[in-house]
C-alpha atoms as a PDB file:
ATOM      1  CA  MET A   1      -1.483  11.313   6.683  1.00  0.00           C
ATOM      2  CA  ALA A   2      -1.376  10.892   2.847  1.00  0.00           C
ATOM      3  CA  GLY A   3       0.039  14.778   2.732  1.00  0.00           C
ATOM      4  CA  ALA A   4       3.622  13.501   3.460  1.00  0.00           C
ATOM      5  CA  HIS A   5       4.470  12.560  -0.117  1.00  0.00           C
ATOM      6  CA  GLY A   6       3.872  16.074  -1.590  1.00  0.00           C
ATOM      7  CA  GLY A   7       1.688  16.828  -4.534  1.00  0.00           C
ATOM      8  CA  ARG A   8       1.196  13.439  -5.687  1.00  0.00           C
ATOM      9  CA  GLY A   9      -2.401  11.770  -5.355  1.00  0.00           C
ATOM     10  CA  ARG A  10      -4.950  13.847  -3.033  1.00  0.00           C
ATOM     11  CA  ARG A  11      -4.746  14.338   0.789  1.00  0.00           C
ATOM     12  CA  GLY A  12      -7.037  12.242   2.229  1.00  0.00           C
ATOM     13  CA  GLY A  13      -8.143  10.757  -0.847  1.00  0.00           C
ATOM     14  CA  PRO A  14      -9.363   7.007  -0.890  1.00  0.00           C
ATOM     15  CA  VAL A  15      -7.276   4.040  -0.988  1.00  0.00           C
ATOM     16  CA  VAL A  16      -7.837   2.438  -4.359  1.00  0.00           C
ATOM     17  CA  ALA A  17      -7.329  -1.305  -4.783  1.00  0.00           C
ATOM     18  CA  GLY A  18      -7.843  -3.687  -7.909  1.00  0.00           C
ATOM     19  CA  VAL A  19      -9.768  -6.503  -7.037  1.00  0.00           C
ATOM     20  CA  ALA A  20      -8.926  -9.732  -9.332  1.00  0.00           C
ATOM     21  CA  PRO A  21     -11.174 -12.369 -10.629  1.00  0.00           C
ATOM     22  CA  ASP A  22      -9.806 -14.839  -8.805  1.00  0.00           C
ATOM     23  CA  THR A  23     -11.864 -14.363  -5.436  1.00  0.00           C
ATOM     24  CA  ALA A  24      -9.559 -16.520  -3.448  1.00  0.00           C
ATOM     25  CA  ARG A  25      -6.607 -13.613  -3.977  1.00  0.00           C
ATOM     26  CA  ARG A  26      -7.200 -11.746  -0.715  1.00  0.00           C
ATOM     27  CA  ALA A  27      -3.512 -10.286   0.282  1.00  0.00           C
ATOM     28  CA  ALA A  28      -4.110  -7.183  -1.712  1.00  0.00           C
ATOM     29  CA  PRO A  29      -7.727  -6.324  -0.310  1.00  0.00           C
ATOM     30  CA  ALA A  30      -6.513  -7.393   2.750  1.00  0.00           C
ATOM     31  CA  TRP A  31      -3.336  -4.729   2.683  1.00  0.00           C
ATOM     32  CA  ALA A  32      -5.840  -1.941   1.353  1.00  0.00           C
ATOM     33  CA  VAL A  33      -8.310  -2.138   3.898  1.00  0.00           C
ATOM     34  CA  ASP A  34      -5.877  -2.055   6.673  1.00  0.00           C
ATOM     35  CA  GLU A  35      -4.207   0.786   4.952  1.00  0.00           C
ATOM     36  CA  ALA A  36      -7.239   2.791   4.412  1.00  0.00           C
ATOM     37  CA  ALA A  37      -8.260   1.957   8.082  1.00  0.00           C
ATOM     38  CA  ARG A  38      -4.848   3.322   9.401  1.00  0.00           C
ATOM     39  CA  ARG A  39      -5.050   6.570   7.101  1.00  0.00           C
ATOM     40  CA  ARG A  40      -8.598   6.931   8.518  1.00  0.00           C
ATOM     41  CA  VAL A  41      -9.654   7.565   4.310  1.00  0.00           C
ATOM     42  CA  PRO A  42     -12.229   5.379   2.528  1.00  0.00           C
ATOM     43  CA  LEU A  43     -11.304   2.206   0.688  1.00  0.00           C
ATOM     44  CA  LEU A  44     -12.377   2.034  -3.130  1.00  0.00           C
ATOM     45  CA  LEU A  45     -12.338  -1.184  -4.382  1.00  0.00           C
ATOM     46  CA  VAL A  46     -12.423  -1.604  -8.036  1.00  0.00           C
ATOM     47  CA  HIS A  47     -12.965  -4.491 -10.471  1.00  0.00           C
ATOM     48  CA  ALA A  48     -12.467  -3.564 -14.370  1.00  0.00           C
ATOM     49  CA  GLN A  49     -14.650  -5.454 -17.139  1.00  0.00           C
ATOM     50  CA  GLY A  50     -12.021  -5.866 -19.667  1.00  0.00           C
ATOM     51  CA  THR A  51     -11.715  -8.863 -22.641  1.00  0.00           C
ATOM     52  CA  PRO A  52     -13.520 -12.053 -21.603  1.00  0.00           C
ATOM     53  CA  THR A  53     -11.480 -14.474 -20.160  1.00  0.00           C
ATOM     54  CA  GLY A  54     -11.630 -18.097 -19.522  1.00  0.00           C
ATOM     55  CA  GLY A  55     -12.524 -17.688 -15.787  1.00  0.00           C
ATOM     56  CA  TYR A  56     -15.908 -16.069 -17.323  1.00  0.00           C
ATOM     57  CA  ARG A  57     -16.704 -18.108 -19.977  1.00  0.00           C
ATOM     58  CA  LYS A  58     -19.864 -20.256 -19.783  1.00  0.00           C
ATOM     59  CA  THR A  59     -20.669 -22.958 -22.203  1.00  0.00           C
ATOM     60  CA  ASP A  60     -24.317 -21.947 -22.258  1.00  0.00           C
ATOM     61  CA  VAL A  61     -23.742 -18.402 -23.506  1.00  0.00           C
ATOM     62  CA  ARG A  62     -23.618 -17.342 -26.709  1.00  0.00           C
ATOM     63  CA  PRO A  63     -20.528 -15.785 -28.284  1.00  0.00           C
ATOM     64  CA  SER A  64     -22.446 -12.224 -28.971  1.00  0.00           C
ATOM     65  CA  TRP A  65     -21.421  -9.238 -27.595  1.00  0.00           C
ATOM     66  CA  GLU A  66     -24.358  -8.325 -25.594  1.00  0.00           C
ATOM     67  CA  GLN A  67     -24.214 -12.138 -23.876  1.00  0.00           C
ATOM     68  CA  TRP A  68     -20.574 -11.402 -23.289  1.00  0.00           C
ATOM     69  CA  ASN A  69     -21.018  -8.103 -21.635  1.00  0.00           C
ATOM     70  CA  GLN A  70     -24.198  -9.336 -19.471  1.00  0.00           C
ATOM     71  CA  THR A  71     -21.895 -12.254 -18.382  1.00  0.00           C
ATOM     72  CA  LEU A  72     -18.926  -9.895 -17.419  1.00  0.00           C
ATOM     73  CA  HIS A  73     -21.182  -7.699 -15.559  1.00  0.00           C
ATOM     74  CA  GLU A  74     -22.730 -10.502 -13.740  1.00  0.00           C
ATOM     75  CA  ALA A  75     -19.190 -11.895 -13.069  1.00  0.00           C
ATOM     76  CA  GLY A  76     -17.658  -8.629 -11.923  1.00  0.00           C
ATOM     77  CA  ASP A  77     -20.955  -7.868  -9.615  1.00  0.00           C
ATOM     78  CA  ARG A  78     -20.169 -11.238  -7.782  1.00  0.00           C
ATOM     79  CA  VAL A  79     -16.612 -10.704  -7.339  1.00  0.00           C
ATOM     80  CA  LEU A  80     -16.671  -7.093  -6.355  1.00  0.00           C
ATOM     81  CA  GLY A  81     -19.512  -7.738  -3.970  1.00  0.00           C
ATOM     82  CA  GLU A  82     -17.492 -10.374  -2.165  1.00  0.00           C
ATOM     83  CA  ALA A  83     -14.260  -8.150  -1.746  1.00  0.00           C
ATOM     84  CA  VAL A  84     -16.411  -5.564  -0.224  1.00  0.00           C
ATOM     85  CA  ALA A  85     -17.955  -7.839   2.217  1.00  0.00           C
ATOM     86  CA  PHE A  86     -14.456  -9.184   3.057  1.00  0.00           C
ATOM     87  CA  ALA A  87     -13.038  -6.070   3.544  1.00  0.00           C
ATOM     88  CA  GLU A  88     -15.963  -4.742   5.742  1.00  0.00           C
ATOM     89  CA  THR A  89     -15.481  -7.996   7.832  1.00  0.00           C
ATOM     90  CA  ARG A  90     -12.061  -7.570   8.250  1.00  0.00           C
ATOM     91  CA  ARG A  91     -12.338  -3.689   9.169  1.00  0.00           C
ATOM     92  CA  PRO A  92     -15.884  -2.862  10.177  1.00  0.00           C
ATOM     93  CA  GLU A  93     -14.650   0.546  11.247  1.00  0.00           C
ATOM     94  CA  ALA A  94     -13.623   1.186   7.338  1.00  0.00           C
ATOM     95  CA  GLU A  95     -15.500   2.989   4.950  1.00  0.00           C
ATOM     96  CA  VAL A  96     -15.567   0.758   1.635  1.00  0.00           C
ATOM     97  CA  SER A  97     -17.208   0.784  -1.767  1.00  0.00           C
ATOM     98  CA  GLY A  98     -16.947  -1.059  -4.906  1.00  0.00           C
ATOM     99  CA  LEU A  99     -16.785   0.238  -8.648  1.00  0.00           C
ATOM    100  CA  LEU A 100     -17.301  -1.991 -11.208  1.00  0.00           C
ATOM    101  CA  ALA A 101     -15.813  -0.191 -14.352  1.00  0.00           C
ATOM    102  CA  GLU A 102     -15.561  -1.078 -18.188  1.00  0.00           C
ATOM    103  CA  GLY A 103     -12.417  -1.069 -19.869  1.00  0.00           C
ATOM    104  CA  ASP A 104      -8.919  -2.149 -19.860  1.00  0.00           C
ATOM    105  CA  PRO A 105      -7.909  -2.564 -15.964  1.00  0.00           C
ATOM    106  CA  ALA A 106      -4.507  -0.595 -16.125  1.00  0.00           C
ATOM    107  CA  TRP A 107      -6.271   2.490 -17.382  1.00  0.00           C
ATOM    108  CA  VAL A 108      -9.147   2.189 -15.351  1.00  0.00           C
ATOM    109  CA  LEU A 109      -6.800   2.062 -12.356  1.00  0.00           C
ATOM    110  CA  ARG A 110      -4.535   4.809 -13.522  1.00  0.00           C
ATOM    111  CA  GLU A 111      -7.845   7.285 -13.854  1.00  0.00           C
ATOM    112  CA  GLN A 112      -8.924   6.434  -9.903  1.00  0.00           C
ATOM    113  CA  ALA A 113      -5.324   6.767  -9.132  1.00  0.00           C
ATOM    114  CA  ARG A 114      -5.690  10.737  -9.970  1.00  0.00           C
ATOM    115  CA  ASP A 115      -7.218  11.385  -6.497  1.00  0.00           C
ATOM    116  CA  ALA A 116      -6.204   8.439  -4.441  1.00  0.00           C
ATOM    117  CA  SER A 117      -3.722   8.432  -1.600  1.00  0.00           C
ATOM    118  CA  ALA A 118      -2.504   5.148  -2.638  1.00  0.00           C
ATOM    119  CA  VAL A 119      -3.200   2.080  -5.179  1.00  0.00           C
ATOM    120  CA  VAL A 120      -2.725  -1.269  -4.021  1.00  0.00           C
ATOM    121  CA  LEU A 121      -2.418  -4.227  -6.800  1.00  0.00           C
ATOM    122  CA  GLY A 122      -2.055  -8.076  -6.161  1.00  0.00           C
ATOM    123  CA  SER A 123       0.550 -10.418  -7.492  1.00  0.00           C
ATOM    124  CA  SER A 124       0.026 -14.073  -7.895  1.00  0.00           C
ATOM    125  CA  HIS A 125       2.396 -16.810  -6.178  1.00  0.00           C
ATOM    126  CA  LEU A 126       2.896 -18.768  -9.179  1.00  0.00           C
ATOM    127  CA  SER A 127       3.524 -16.535 -11.894  1.00  0.00           C
ATOM    128  CA  ARG A 128       4.834 -13.011  -9.994  1.00  0.00           C
ATOM    129  CA  VAL A 129       7.454 -12.646 -12.655  1.00  0.00           C
ATOM    130  CA  GLN A 130       5.243 -13.325 -15.569  1.00  0.00           C
ATOM    131  CA  GLU A 131       2.418 -11.381 -14.290  1.00  0.00           C
ATOM    132  CA  VAL A 132       4.354  -8.163 -13.623  1.00  0.00           C
ATOM    133  CA  PHE A 133       6.085  -8.355 -16.872  1.00  0.00           C
ATOM    134  CA  SER A 134       3.250  -9.821 -19.139  1.00  0.00           C
ATOM    135  CA  SER A 135       1.156  -7.895 -21.761  1.00  0.00           C
ATOM    136  CA  ALA A 136      -1.487  -8.441 -19.460  1.00  0.00           C
ATOM    137  CA  SER A 137      -0.333  -6.850 -16.245  1.00  0.00           C
ATOM    138  CA  VAL A 138      -1.558  -3.974 -14.576  1.00  0.00           C
ATOM    139  CA  ALA A 139       1.188  -3.406 -12.394  1.00  0.00           C
ATOM    140  CA  LEU A 140       4.111  -1.699 -14.405  1.00  0.00           C
ATOM    141  CA  PRO A 141       1.223   0.322 -16.606  1.00  0.00           C
ATOM    142  CA  VAL A 142      -0.199   1.511 -13.262  1.00  0.00           C
ATOM    143  CA  ILE A 143       3.126   2.635 -11.970  1.00  0.00           C
ATOM    144  CA  ALA A 144       4.431   4.233 -14.765  1.00  0.00           C
ATOM    145  CA  HIS A 145       1.705   6.696 -14.816  1.00  0.00           C
ATOM    146  CA  SER A 146       0.379   6.865 -11.172  1.00  0.00           C
ATOM    147  CA  PRO A 147       0.423  10.497  -8.967  1.00  0.00           C
ATOM    148  CA  CYS A 148       0.406   8.423  -6.097  1.00  0.00           C
ATOM    149  CA  PRO A 149       2.343   5.293  -4.385  1.00  0.00           C
ATOM    150  CA  VAL A 150       1.533   2.117  -6.050  1.00  0.00           C
ATOM    151  CA  ILE A 151       1.748  -1.017  -3.661  1.00  0.00           C
ATOM    152  CA  VAL A 152       2.043  -4.476  -4.975  1.00  0.00           C
ATOM    153  CA  VAL A 153       1.339  -7.209  -2.870  1.00  0.00           C
ATOM    154  CA  PRO A 154       2.190 -10.624  -3.412  1.00  0.00           C
ATOM    155  CA  GLU A 155      -0.177 -13.417  -2.708  1.00  0.00           C
ATOM    156  CA  ARG A 156       2.088 -15.837  -1.336  1.00  0.00           C
ATOM    157  CA  GLU A 157       2.782 -16.190   2.132  1.00  0.00           C
ATOM    158  CA  HIS A 158       5.108 -13.681   4.173  1.00  0.00           C
ATOM    159  CA  THR A 159       6.137 -13.649   7.385  1.00  0.00           C
ATOM    160  CA  ALA A 160       7.764 -10.354   8.582  1.00  0.00           C
ATOM    161  CA  ALA A 161       9.712 -10.067  11.720  1.00  0.00           C
ATOM    162  CA  ASP A 162       8.886  -8.949  14.735  1.00  0.00           C
ATOM    163  CA  PRO A 163       9.321  -5.946  15.777  1.00  0.00           C
ATOM    164  CA  PRO A 164       8.495  -5.073  12.423  1.00  0.00           C
ATOM    165  CA  TYR A 165      10.238  -3.014  10.146  1.00  0.00           C
ATOM    166  CA  PHE A 166      10.085  -1.768   6.345  1.00  0.00           C
ATOM    167  CA  VAL A 167      12.928  -1.024   3.846  1.00  0.00           C
ATOM    168  CA  VAL A 168      13.613   2.024   1.951  1.00  0.00           C
ATOM    169  CA  GLY A 169      16.253   2.335  -1.017  1.00  0.00           C
ATOM    170  CA  VAL A 170      18.303   5.286  -0.746  1.00  0.00           C
ATOM    171  CA  ASP A 171      20.650   6.648  -3.805  1.00  0.00           C
ATOM    172  CA  GLY A 172      21.151  10.301  -2.949  1.00  0.00           C
ATOM    173  CA  SER A 173      19.272  11.670  -5.869  1.00  0.00           C
ATOM    174  CA  PRO A 174      16.492  14.585  -5.068  1.00  0.00           C
ATOM    175  CA  GLN A 175      13.957  12.346  -6.251  1.00  0.00           C
ATOM    176  CA  SER A 176      14.451   9.751  -4.058  1.00  0.00           C
ATOM    177  CA  ALA A 177      13.255  11.829  -1.204  1.00  0.00           C
ATOM    178  CA  ALA A 178       9.828  11.152  -1.889  1.00  0.00           C
ATOM    179  CA  ALA A 179      10.336   7.271  -1.531  1.00  0.00           C
ATOM    180  CA  VAL A 180      12.008   8.132   1.962  1.00  0.00           C
ATOM    181  CA  ALA A 181       9.393  10.434   3.333  1.00  0.00           C
ATOM    182  CA  PHE A 182       6.823   7.875   2.268  1.00  0.00           C
ATOM    183  CA  ALA A 183       8.880   5.125   3.946  1.00  0.00           C
ATOM    184  CA  PHE A 184       8.588   6.913   7.269  1.00  0.00           C
ATOM    185  CA  GLU A 185       4.895   7.813   6.940  1.00  0.00           C
ATOM    186  CA  GLU A 186       4.241   3.749   6.635  1.00  0.00           C
ATOM    187  CA  ALA A 187       6.752   2.826   9.263  1.00  0.00           C
ATOM    188  CA  ALA A 188       4.835   5.345  11.728  1.00  0.00           C
ATOM    189  CA  LEU A 189       1.475   4.115  10.360  1.00  0.00           C
ATOM    190  CA  HIS A 190       2.544   0.166  11.044  1.00  0.00           C
ATOM    191  CA  GLY A 191       4.397   1.211  14.486  1.00  0.00           C
ATOM    192  CA  ALA A 192       7.222  -0.291  12.539  1.00  0.00           C
ATOM    193  CA  ALA A 193      10.976   0.856  12.426  1.00  0.00           C
ATOM    194  CA  LEU A 194      12.568   1.751   9.077  1.00  0.00           C
ATOM    195  CA  ARG A 195      15.892   0.568   7.796  1.00  0.00           C
ATOM    196  CA  ALA A 196      17.455   3.033   5.159  1.00  0.00           C
ATOM    197  CA  VAL A 197      19.742   0.946   3.098  1.00  0.00           C
ATOM    198  CA  TYR A 198      22.333   2.549   0.704  1.00  0.00           C
ATOM    199  CA  ALA A 199      23.941   0.310  -1.913  1.00  0.00           C
ATOM    200  CA  TRP A 200      27.220   0.464  -3.707  1.00  0.00           C
ATOM    201  CA  TRP A 201      28.434  -1.648  -6.389  1.00  0.00           C
ATOM    202  CA  ARG A 202      31.838  -2.142  -8.105  1.00  0.00           C
ATOM    203  CA  PRO A 203      32.149  -5.464 -10.245  1.00  0.00           C
ATOM    204  CA  GLU A 204      35.917  -5.347  -9.841  1.00  0.00           C
ATOM    205  CA  GLU A 205      37.534  -5.919  -6.223  1.00  0.00           C
ATOM    206  CA  PRO A 206      37.607  -2.982  -4.655  1.00  0.00           C
ATOM    207  CA  GLY A 207      40.494  -2.051  -2.132  1.00  0.00           C
ATOM    208  CA  ILE A 208      40.490  -0.997   1.372  1.00  0.00           C
ATOM    209  CA  ARG A 209      40.763   2.435   0.669  1.00  0.00           C
ATOM    210  CA  ASP A 210      37.550   2.248  -1.813  1.00  0.00           C
ATOM    211  CA  GLU A 211      35.598   0.375   0.726  1.00  0.00           C
ATOM    212  CA  GLN A 212      36.181   3.371   3.124  1.00  0.00           C
ATOM    213  CA  ALA A 213      35.075   6.054   0.887  1.00  0.00           C
ATOM    214  CA  ALA A 214      31.804   4.077  -0.129  1.00  0.00           C
ATOM    215  CA  GLU A 215      31.159   3.733   3.410  1.00  0.00           C
ATOM    216  CA  GLN A 216      31.850   7.379   4.339  1.00  0.00           C
ATOM    217  CA  GLU A 217      29.849   7.955   1.290  1.00  0.00           C
ATOM    218  CA  GLY A 218      26.838   5.859   1.900  1.00  0.00           C
ATOM    219  CA  ARG A 219      26.641   7.038   5.576  1.00  0.00           C
ATOM    220  CA  ALA A 220      26.649  10.895   4.301  1.00  0.00           C
ATOM    221  CA  VAL A 221      23.667  10.399   1.833  1.00  0.00           C
ATOM    222  CA  LEU A 222      21.652   8.348   4.428  1.00  0.00           C
ATOM    223  CA  ALA A 223      22.099  10.988   7.143  1.00  0.00           C
ATOM    224  CA  ALA A 224      21.125  13.854   4.373  1.00  0.00           C
ATOM    225  CA  ALA A 225      18.238  11.928   3.044  1.00  0.00           C
ATOM    226  CA  THR A 226      16.635  11.064   6.136  1.00  0.00           C
ATOM    227  CA  ALA A 227      17.372  14.058   8.513  1.00  0.00           C
ATOM    228  CA  GLU A 228      14.013  15.956   8.029  1.00  0.00           C
ATOM    229  CA  PRO A 229      11.405  13.282   7.713  1.00  0.00           C
ATOM    230  CA  ALA A 230      13.506  11.265  10.973  1.00  0.00           C
ATOM    231  CA  ALA A 231      13.045  14.823  12.748  1.00  0.00           C
ATOM    232  CA  ALA A 232       9.529  14.934  11.590  1.00  0.00           C
ATOM    233  CA  ARG A 233       8.850  11.281  12.779  1.00  0.00           C
ATOM    234  CA  PRO A 234      10.787  10.817  15.871  1.00  0.00           C
ATOM    235  CA  GLY A 235       8.529   7.930  17.107  1.00  0.00           C
ATOM    236  CA  VAL A 236      10.215   6.018  14.125  1.00  0.00           C
ATOM    237  CA  GLU A 237      13.023   3.637  15.004  1.00  0.00           C
ATOM    238  CA  LEU A 238      15.875   4.299  12.154  1.00  0.00           C
ATOM    239  CA  GLU A 239      18.639   2.153  11.048  1.00  0.00           C
ATOM    240  CA  HIS A 240      21.154   3.048   8.274  1.00  0.00           C
ATOM    241  CA  ALA A 241      22.904   0.515   6.862  1.00  0.00           C
ATOM    242  CA  VAL A 242      25.410   0.562   3.820  1.00  0.00           C
ATOM    243  CA  VAL A 243      26.093  -2.641   1.837  1.00  0.00           C
ATOM    244  CA  ARG A 244      27.978  -3.317  -0.996  1.00  0.00           C
ATOM    245  CA  GLY A 245      26.303  -4.976  -3.584  1.00  0.00           C
ATOM    246  CA  HIS A 246      24.139  -4.736  -6.810  1.00  0.00           C
ATOM    247  CA  PRO A 247      21.136  -2.400  -5.403  1.00  0.00           C
ATOM    248  CA  VAL A 248      18.314  -5.169  -6.633  1.00  0.00           C
ATOM    249  CA  GLU A 249      20.410  -8.194  -4.869  1.00  0.00           C
ATOM    250  CA  VAL A 250      20.756  -5.961  -1.784  1.00  0.00           C
ATOM    251  CA  LEU A 251      16.779  -5.008  -1.258  1.00  0.00           C
ATOM    252  CA  ALA A 252      15.974  -8.586  -2.193  1.00  0.00           C
ATOM    253  CA  GLU A 253      18.068  -9.647   0.706  1.00  0.00           C
ATOM    254  CA  ALA A 254      16.770  -6.950   2.951  1.00  0.00           C
ATOM    255  CA  SER A 255      13.202  -7.852   1.843  1.00  0.00           C
ATOM    256  CA  GLU A 256      13.093 -10.950   3.402  1.00  0.00           C
ATOM    257  CA  LYS A 257      11.518 -10.529   6.512  1.00  0.00           C
ATOM    258  CA  ALA A 258      10.203  -7.012   6.292  1.00  0.00           C
ATOM    259  CA  LEU A 259       6.836  -5.194   6.001  1.00  0.00           C
ATOM    260  CA  GLY A 260       7.202  -4.089   2.770  1.00  0.00           C
ATOM    261  CA  VAL A 261      10.233  -2.200   0.403  1.00  0.00           C
ATOM    262  CA  VAL A 262       9.992   1.083  -0.528  1.00  0.00           C
ATOM    263  CA  VAL A 263      11.613   2.525  -3.678  1.00  0.00           C
ATOM    264  CA  GLY A 264      11.277   5.198  -6.395  1.00  0.00           C
ATOM    265  CA  THR A 265      10.189   5.294  -9.699  1.00  0.00           C
ATOM    266  CA  ARG A 266      12.799   7.911 -10.810  1.00  0.00           C
ATOM    267  CA  GLY A 267      16.207   8.564 -10.022  1.00  0.00           C
ATOM    268  CA  HIS A 268      19.908   8.820 -11.354  1.00  0.00           C
ATOM    269  CA  GLY A 269      20.665   5.430 -10.406  1.00  0.00           C
ATOM    270  CA  GLY A 270      21.134   2.981  -7.377  1.00  0.00           C
ATOM    271  CA  PHE A 271      17.197   2.246  -5.807  1.00  0.00           C
ATOM    272  CA  THR A 272      15.608   4.767  -7.819  1.00  0.00           C
ATOM    273  CA  GLY A 273      16.909   3.985 -10.951  1.00  0.00           C
ATOM    274  CA  MET A 274      14.641   4.378 -14.274  1.00  0.00           C
ATOM    275  CA  LEU A 275      11.091   4.102 -13.558  1.00  0.00           C
ATOM    276  CA  LEU A 276      11.117   0.998 -15.804  1.00  0.00           C
ATOM    277  CA  GLY A 277      14.367   0.178 -15.819  1.00  0.00           C
ATOM    278  CA  SER A 278      16.397  -2.506 -14.341  1.00  0.00           C
ATOM    279  CA  VAL A 279      16.240  -1.716 -10.595  1.00  0.00           C
ATOM    280  CA  SER A 280      13.157  -0.976 -10.176  1.00  0.00           C
ATOM    281  CA  GLN A 281      11.868  -3.946 -12.456  1.00  0.00           C
ATOM    282  CA  GLY A 282      14.199  -5.961 -10.780  1.00  0.00           C
ATOM    283  CA  VAL A 283      12.917  -4.901  -7.040  1.00  0.00           C
ATOM    284  CA  LEU A 284       9.511  -6.221  -8.239  1.00  0.00           C
ATOM    285  CA  ARG A 285      10.696  -9.272  -9.739  1.00  0.00           C
ATOM    286  CA  HIS A 286      12.688 -10.228  -6.559  1.00  0.00           C
ATOM    287  CA  ALA A 287      11.362  -8.641  -3.587  1.00  0.00           C
ATOM    288  CA  ARG A 288      10.249 -11.263  -0.814  1.00  0.00           C
ATOM    289  CA  CYS A 289       7.450  -8.838   0.826  1.00  0.00           C
ATOM    290  CA  PRO A 290       5.231  -5.767  -0.804  1.00  0.00           C
ATOM    291  CA  VAL A 291       7.140  -3.506  -2.810  1.00  0.00           C
ATOM    292  CA  ILE A 292       5.884   0.218  -2.708  1.00  0.00           C
ATOM    293  CA  ALA A 293       6.533   2.188  -5.773  1.00  0.00           C
ATOM    294  CA  VAL A 294       6.483   6.220  -5.128  1.00  0.00           C
ATOM    295  CA  PRO A 295       6.930   8.571  -7.858  1.00  0.00           C
ATOM    296  CA  HIS A 296       8.727  11.662  -7.472  1.00  0.00           C
ATOM    297  CA  ALA A 297       7.403  15.161  -6.787  1.00  0.00           C
ATOM    298  CA  GLY A 298       7.028  16.200 -10.413  1.00  0.00           C
ATOM    299  CA  ALA A 299       5.048  12.728 -11.347  1.00  0.00           C
ATOM    300  CA  ARG A 300       1.631  13.317 -13.128  1.00  0.00           C
ATOM    301  CA  SER A 301      -1.009  10.960 -14.491  1.00  0.00           C
ATOM    302  CA  GLY A 302      -1.304  10.407 -18.310  1.00  0.00           C
END
């Protein structure tokens, strides 16, 4: 259950999902209600009323705060109601509720993340890079401060391999243990295998001895990082892979047919690089499947 990822979030806490104004975007709510049903926890769908956007504008509304607020509230009620109905239809056994909140969406979701098992966010197909990195994005601010895992689900169609598998990036840092543990948890919940990947990168052409040493080091790191969680979840089929290449490129390639790719948000390089550093951001930009960002054990919201 949710407690496998240490002190982050709350054991048995709800899965929290952000609901976008565009009601046609269903990938994130679908993943969220499936996640909640698998974990046997409630689903809380959250729609935040922030600054009025073009999608809410009506020509017959006078530009007053009262009118804008009423318009936003009515639109938010409609969006949230449709999302709740969608989730209940998809998973009738799930306990689903909605929250219409006022404020910046990133702040609202960060607050709800305090007691959550996981937070699920959507990312559109055509503007994934712009959305993830623009000032209007909620993904990076939520990931930066969330005490629980954050799952970013692309809206674009994605076909996973059969049999299914998850990918987790491993760099050997103590902090990356949280990502590995959560990856095993997700694999077990989905009845999927797990591919643990260690990337080693040297811009210059390595010699044979360099490659042999890197292979040995990678195998040792993977064995140490996965030994305990693998023993705890013996039903998860595990594969180790040591790959030469930049971590972002390696994970992007490995994610093509994966159900999801799991990365840490802290570390000393490799896959769990800086919270908003090149690796974490690069994986969000280039992964071809949902990305699960897992905070380290000492993470706290703020």
